[in-house]
C-alpha cells in the first residue's frame, strides 16, 4: 500500500529519482525548455518551481539551498542573475508543460516543459 507516498515512482529508487530530477532541472534552467516524457515533466514541475522561487531572493541562504540541487556554477549564476529576477512580480506558474503526443519507438507520451515568458512590468 502506498499510503501517504507523494509523487510518481517512475520505476526508480529514491536516490536515482532525486538525481534525475536534479539533472533535468539543471538542463531546464540551462536551455529553458526540454523534451521528456509526460510523467517526468509533471514530476519535474514542482521541483523546478521551488528552485525558481528560492532564486527570486538573492541571498546566501537561498543560494546554498539551491546549490544543494544545482551543482553547475554557470546554471546557478543564470538562475539567480537572469531567471529569478525575470519572475520577480509573479507568484508561481514559472513553467508550463505542453503535451507532444506519443514517441514513435515505445509509444511513451512526450511533453515539452519550458519556462514561461518574461513578465511585463506593472504600471
C-alpha atoms as a PDB file:
ATOM      1  CA  UNK A   1       0.000   0.000   0.000  1.00  0.00           C
ATOM      2  CA  UNK A   2       1.275   3.442  -0.953  1.00  0.00           C
ATOM      3  CA  UNK A   3      -0.436   5.434   1.770  1.00  0.00           C
ATOM      4  CA  UNK A   4       0.997   8.949   2.152  1.00  0.00           C
ATOM      5  CA  UNK A   5       3.547   8.390  -0.652  1.00  0.00           C
ATOM      6  CA  UNK A   6       3.688  11.549  -2.731  1.00  0.00           C
ATOM      7  CA  UNK A   7       4.678  11.795  -6.367  1.00  0.00           C
ATOM      8  CA  UNK A   8       5.373   9.291  -9.081  1.00  0.00           C
ATOM      9  CA  UNK A   9       7.856   6.487  -8.533  1.00  0.00           C
ATOM     10  CA  UNK A  10       8.976   6.438 -12.183  1.00  0.00           C
ATOM     11  CA  UNK A  11      10.347   2.898 -11.677  1.00  0.00           C
ATOM     12  CA  UNK A  12      13.418   4.225  -9.869  1.00  0.00           C
ATOM     13  CA  UNK A  13      14.900   4.181  -6.413  1.00  0.00           C
ATOM     14  CA  UNK A  14      14.568   7.366  -4.402  1.00  0.00           C
ATOM     15  CA  UNK A  15      18.204   8.324  -4.934  1.00  0.00           C
ATOM     16  CA  UNK A  16      18.008   7.702  -8.690  1.00  0.00           C
ATOM     17  CA  UNK A  17      14.824   9.769  -8.942  1.00  0.00           C
ATOM     18  CA  UNK A  18      16.413  12.613  -6.975  1.00  0.00           C
ATOM     19  CA  UNK A  19      19.500  12.578  -9.213  1.00  0.00           C
ATOM     20  CA  UNK A  20      17.325  12.520 -12.329  1.00  0.00           C
ATOM     21  CA  UNK A  21      15.247  15.489 -11.126  1.00  0.00           C
ATOM     22  CA  UNK A  22      18.402  17.462 -10.333  1.00  0.00           C
ATOM     23  CA  UNK A  23      19.857  16.750 -13.786  1.00  0.00           C
ATOM     24  CA  UNK A  24      16.605  17.591 -15.521  1.00  0.00           C
ATOM     25  CA  UNK A  25      16.248  20.856 -13.566  1.00  0.00           C
ATOM     26  CA  UNK A  26      19.821  21.811 -14.488  1.00  0.00           C
ATOM     27  CA  UNK A  27      19.047  21.153 -18.162  1.00  0.00           C
ATOM     28  CA  UNK A  28      15.772  23.063 -17.920  1.00  0.00           C
ATOM     29  CA  UNK A  29      17.471  26.145 -16.492  1.00  0.00           C
ATOM     30  CA  UNK A  30      20.356  25.910 -18.983  1.00  0.00           C
ATOM     31  CA  UNK A  31      18.207  25.530 -22.122  1.00  0.00           C
ATOM     32  CA  UNK A  32      14.916  26.992 -20.771  1.00  0.00           C
ATOM     33  CA  UNK A  33      12.990  24.119 -22.384  1.00  0.00           C
ATOM     34  CA  UNK A  34      13.462  20.355 -22.532  1.00  0.00           C
ATOM     35  CA  UNK A  35      11.592  17.459 -24.135  1.00  0.00           C
ATOM     36  CA  UNK A  36      10.904  14.449 -21.937  1.00  0.00           C
ATOM     37  CA  UNK A  37       8.116  12.042 -21.052  1.00  0.00           C
ATOM     38  CA  UNK A  38       4.910  13.493 -19.690  1.00  0.00           C
ATOM     39  CA  UNK A  39       5.251  11.774 -16.290  1.00  0.00           C
ATOM     40  CA  UNK A  40       8.806  13.077 -15.818  1.00  0.00           C
ATOM     41  CA  UNK A  41       7.747  16.584 -16.856  1.00  0.00           C
ATOM     42  CA  UNK A  42       4.870  16.574 -14.381  1.00  0.00           C
ATOM     43  CA  UNK A  43       7.201  15.378 -11.637  1.00  0.00           C
ATOM     44  CA  UNK A  44       9.862  17.968 -12.519  1.00  0.00           C
ATOM     45  CA  UNK A  45       7.478  20.914 -12.488  1.00  0.00           C
ATOM     46  CA  UNK A  46       7.042  21.421  -8.697  1.00  0.00           C
ATOM     47  CA  UNK A  47      10.726  20.630  -8.112  1.00  0.00           C
ATOM     48  CA  UNK A  48      11.868  23.315 -10.590  1.00  0.00           C
ATOM     49  CA  UNK A  49       9.309  25.872  -9.451  1.00  0.00           C
ATOM     50  CA  UNK A  50      10.535  25.651  -5.856  1.00  0.00           C
ATOM     51  CA  UNK A  51      14.076  26.372  -7.063  1.00  0.00           C
ATOM     52  CA  UNK A  52      12.873  29.391  -9.061  1.00  0.00           C
ATOM     53  CA  UNK A  53      11.001  30.666  -6.002  1.00  0.00           C
ATOM     54  CA  UNK A  54      14.197  30.405  -3.948  1.00  0.00           C
ATOM     55  CA  UNK A  55      16.185  32.181  -6.661  1.00  0.00           C
ATOM     56  CA  UNK A  56      13.891  35.213  -6.560  1.00  0.00           C
ATOM     57  CA  UNK A  57      15.600  36.340  -3.345  1.00  0.00           C
ATOM     58  CA  UNK A  58      19.340  36.531  -3.930  1.00  0.00           C
ATOM     59  CA  UNK A  59      20.911  35.960  -0.522  1.00  0.00           C
ATOM     60  CA  UNK A  60      23.453  33.497   0.815  1.00  0.00           C
ATOM     61  CA  UNK A  61      20.882  31.175   2.367  1.00  0.00           C
ATOM     62  CA  UNK A  62      18.859  30.884  -0.854  1.00  0.00           C
ATOM     63  CA  UNK A  63      21.999  30.248  -2.894  1.00  0.00           C
ATOM     64  CA  UNK A  64      23.039  27.464  -0.520  1.00  0.00           C
ATOM     65  CA  UNK A  65      19.597  25.863  -0.630  1.00  0.00           C
ATOM     66  CA  UNK A  66      19.548  25.882  -4.433  1.00  0.00           C
ATOM     67  CA  UNK A  67      23.204  24.771  -4.606  1.00  0.00           C
ATOM     68  CA  UNK A  68      22.166  21.514  -2.935  1.00  0.00           C
ATOM     69  CA  UNK A  69      20.275  20.617  -6.096  1.00  0.00           C
ATOM     70  CA  UNK A  70      22.008  22.553  -8.894  1.00  0.00           C
ATOM     71  CA  UNK A  71      25.705  21.669  -8.985  1.00  0.00           C
ATOM     72  CA  UNK A  72      26.655  23.546 -12.173  1.00  0.00           C
ATOM     73  CA  UNK A  73      28.015  27.008 -11.293  1.00  0.00           C
ATOM     74  CA  UNK A  74      27.072  28.534 -14.663  1.00  0.00           C
ATOM     75  CA  UNK A  75      23.477  27.373 -14.354  1.00  0.00           C
ATOM     76  CA  UNK A  76      23.348  28.550 -10.744  1.00  0.00           C
ATOM     77  CA  UNK A  77      24.541  32.013 -11.806  1.00  0.00           C
ATOM     78  CA  UNK A  78      21.986  32.100 -14.635  1.00  0.00           C
ATOM     79  CA  UNK A  79      19.244  31.074 -12.239  1.00  0.00           C
ATOM     80  CA  UNK A  80      19.986  33.866  -9.773  1.00  0.00           C
ATOM     81  CA  UNK A  81      21.044  36.573 -12.260  1.00  0.00           C
ATOM     82  CA  UNK A  82      18.523  36.041 -15.058  1.00  0.00           C
ATOM     83  CA  UNK A  83      15.703  33.628 -14.274  1.00  0.00           C
ATOM     84  CA  UNK A  84      14.969  34.675 -10.667  1.00  0.00           C
ATOM     85  CA  UNK A  85      14.638  38.417 -11.404  1.00  0.00           C
ATOM     86  CA  UNK A  86      12.562  37.612 -14.513  1.00  0.00           C
ATOM     87  CA  UNK A  87       9.786  36.220 -12.298  1.00  0.00           C
ATOM     88  CA  UNK A  88      10.070  38.813  -9.517  1.00  0.00           C
ATOM     89  CA  UNK A  89       6.461  40.009  -9.823  1.00  0.00           C
ATOM     90  CA  UNK A  90       4.959  36.580 -10.340  1.00  0.00           C
ATOM     91  CA  UNK A  91       3.577  34.356  -7.589  1.00  0.00           C
ATOM     92  CA  UNK A  92       4.071  30.992  -9.259  1.00  0.00           C
ATOM     93  CA  UNK A  93       3.457  29.291 -12.569  1.00  0.00           C
ATOM     94  CA  UNK A  94       7.034  29.645 -13.786  1.00  0.00           C
ATOM     95  CA  UNK A  95       6.880  26.560 -16.003  1.00  0.00           C
ATOM     96  CA  UNK A  96       4.423  25.086 -18.489  1.00  0.00           C
ATOM     97  CA  UNK A  97       4.027  21.520 -19.718  1.00  0.00           C
ATOM     98  CA  UNK A  98       2.908  21.078 -23.336  1.00  0.00           C
ATOM     99  CA  UNK A  99       1.890  17.597 -24.479  1.00  0.00           C
ATOM    100  CA  UNK A 100       3.548  16.465 -27.716  1.00  0.00           C
ATOM    101  CA  UNK A 101       1.950  13.068 -28.372  1.00  0.00           C
ATOM    102  CA  UNK A 102       3.365   9.564 -28.397  1.00  0.00           C
ATOM    103  CA  UNK A 103       7.000   8.662 -29.040  1.00  0.00           C
ATOM    104  CA  UNK A 104       7.493   6.538 -32.120  1.00  0.00           C
ATOM    105  CA  UNK A 105       9.615   3.756 -30.599  1.00  0.00           C
ATOM    106  CA  UNK A 106       7.721   2.776 -27.471  1.00  0.00           C
ATOM    107  CA  UNK A 107       4.573   4.906 -27.513  1.00  0.00           C
ATOM    108  CA  UNK A 108       5.500   6.868 -24.400  1.00  0.00           C
ATOM    109  CA  UNK A 109       3.646  10.169 -24.082  1.00  0.00           C
ATOM    110  CA  UNK A 110       6.103  13.039 -24.645  1.00  0.00           C
ATOM    111  CA  UNK A 111       5.878  16.553 -23.273  1.00  0.00           C
ATOM    112  CA  UNK A 112       7.783  19.814 -23.539  1.00  0.00           C
ATOM    113  CA  UNK A 113       8.476  21.578 -20.250  1.00  0.00           C
ATOM    114  CA  UNK A 114       9.597  25.171 -20.540  1.00  0.00           C
ATOM    115  CA  UNK A 115       9.977  28.333 -18.519  1.00  0.00           C
ATOM    116  CA  UNK A 116       7.199  30.816 -19.194  1.00  0.00           C
ATOM    117  CA  UNK A 117       7.922  34.089 -20.953  1.00  0.00           C
ATOM    118  CA  UNK A 118       9.120  37.273 -19.366  1.00  0.00           C
ATOM    119  CA  UNK A 119       6.638  39.122 -17.182  1.00  0.00           C
ATOM    120  CA  UNK A 120       5.711  42.645 -18.215  1.00  0.00           C
ATOM    121  CA  UNK A 121       6.428  45.324 -15.617  1.00  0.00           C
ATOM    122  CA  UNK A 122       3.309  46.509 -13.802  1.00  0.00           C
ATOM    123  CA  UNK A 123       2.399  50.183 -14.007  1.00  0.00           C
END
